[in-house]
Amino acid sequence: MAKRKPNAAFMKPVQPDEALAAVVGSKPLPRTELTKKLWDYIKKNKLQDSKVKTQINADDKLKAIFNGKKSVSMFEMTKLVSGHLKK
């Protein structure tokens, strides 16, 4: 069986903007790594809603990424984070 190659688009480094860099750092990094760092931050700061696990409660740094929203779903978070990547 052929080994599945990782999607090149996922591995291509992306550049976080200033708001996102406050959470994941300012160096370009692959999307997979960016998502991992984002979740590390969310878990470290206990920002995952205790009742509704798919909801992320924003602190000040995440609010900047979430367009000022106090809480977003993890699916919406992915979309909002994409808006904070420099092309």
Protein backbone atom coordinates (compact mmCIF):
# COMPACT_ATOMS: atom_id res chain seq x y z
CA MET A 1 0.00 0.00 0.00
CA ALA A 2 1.26 3.47 -0.85
CA LYS A 3 2.01 5.70 2.09
CA ARG A 4 -0.28 8.71 2.15
CA LYS A 5 1.59 11.95 1.62
CA PRO A 6 0.68 14.87 3.90
CA ASN A 7 -1.21 17.59 2.10
CA ALA A 8 1.39 20.09 0.90
CA ALA A 9 -0.95 23.03 1.54
CA PHE A 10 -1.14 22.04 5.21
CA MET A 11 2.63 21.81 5.48
CA LYS A 12 3.37 25.14 3.76
CA PRO A 13 4.29 27.69 6.43
CA VAL A 14 1.76 30.44 6.99
CA GLN A 15 2.50 33.85 8.50
CA PRO A 16 0.35 34.84 11.50
CA ASP A 17 -0.67 38.51 11.75
CA GLU A 18 -0.03 40.48 14.96
CA ALA A 19 -3.20 39.35 16.76
CA LEU A 20 -2.52 35.68 16.06
CA ALA A 21 1.21 36.04 16.74
CA ALA A 22 0.34 37.05 20.33
CA VAL A 23 -0.88 33.47 20.81
CA VAL A 24 1.22 31.28 18.49
CA GLY A 25 4.37 33.35 17.95
CA SER A 26 5.37 35.51 14.99
CA LYS A 27 7.39 32.99 12.97
CA PRO A 28 5.84 31.40 9.88
CA LEU A 29 4.69 27.88 10.72
CA PRO A 30 2.73 25.08 9.05
CA ARG A 31 -1.03 25.19 9.60
CA THR A 32 -0.85 21.90 11.53
CA GLU A 33 1.65 23.39 13.99
CA LEU A 34 -0.36 26.62 14.25
CA THR A 35 -3.50 24.64 15.20
CA LYS A 36 -1.51 22.63 17.76
CA LYS A 37 -0.11 25.80 19.37
CA LEU A 38 -3.57 27.37 19.43
CA TRP A 39 -4.99 24.34 21.25
CA ASP A 40 -2.03 24.27 23.66
CA TYR A 41 -2.84 27.89 24.51
CA ILE A 42 -6.57 27.17 24.91
CA LYS A 43 -5.90 24.18 27.19
CA LYS A 44 -3.19 25.93 29.21
CA ASN A 45 -5.52 28.84 29.91
CA LYS A 46 -8.59 26.60 30.39
CA LEU A 47 -10.55 28.39 27.67
CA GLN A 48 -12.49 25.37 26.45
CA ASP A 49 -16.05 25.56 27.79
CA SER A 50 -16.48 22.97 30.54
CA LYS A 51 -20.06 22.09 29.54
CA VAL A 52 -19.97 22.54 25.76
CA LYS A 53 -16.57 21.18 24.73
CA THR A 54 -16.87 22.53 21.18
CA GLN A 55 -17.08 26.12 22.48
CA ILE A 56 -13.95 28.18 23.06
CA ASN A 57 -14.23 31.04 25.56
CA ALA A 58 -11.98 33.89 24.50
CA ASP A 59 -9.56 35.76 26.71
CA ASP A 60 -8.28 39.16 25.52
CA LYS A 61 -5.70 37.67 23.12
CA LEU A 62 -8.23 35.31 21.53
CA LYS A 63 -10.90 38.03 21.36
CA ALA A 64 -8.62 39.89 18.95
CA ILE A 65 -8.60 36.80 16.72
CA PHE A 66 -12.33 36.05 17.19
CA ASN A 67 -13.41 39.52 15.98
CA GLY A 68 -14.31 40.58 19.52
CA LYS A 69 -16.58 37.58 20.22
CA LYS A 70 -16.54 36.18 23.76
CA SER A 71 -17.15 32.63 22.63
CA VAL A 72 -16.91 30.73 19.33
CA SER A 73 -17.29 27.11 18.25
CA MET A 74 -14.10 25.27 17.34
CA PHE A 75 -15.33 25.17 13.72
CA GLU A 76 -15.85 28.93 13.62
CA MET A 77 -12.44 29.36 15.28
CA THR A 78 -10.72 27.65 12.33
CA LYS A 79 -12.40 30.05 9.91
CA LEU A 80 -11.57 33.11 12.03
CA VAL A 81 -7.92 32.04 12.43
CA SER A 82 -7.60 31.79 8.63
CA GLY A 83 -8.48 35.45 8.45
CA HIS A 84 -5.41 36.25 10.54
CA LEU A 85 -2.88 34.74 8.18
CA LYS A 86 -0.86 37.04 5.96
CA LYS A 87 -0.92 36.06 2.32
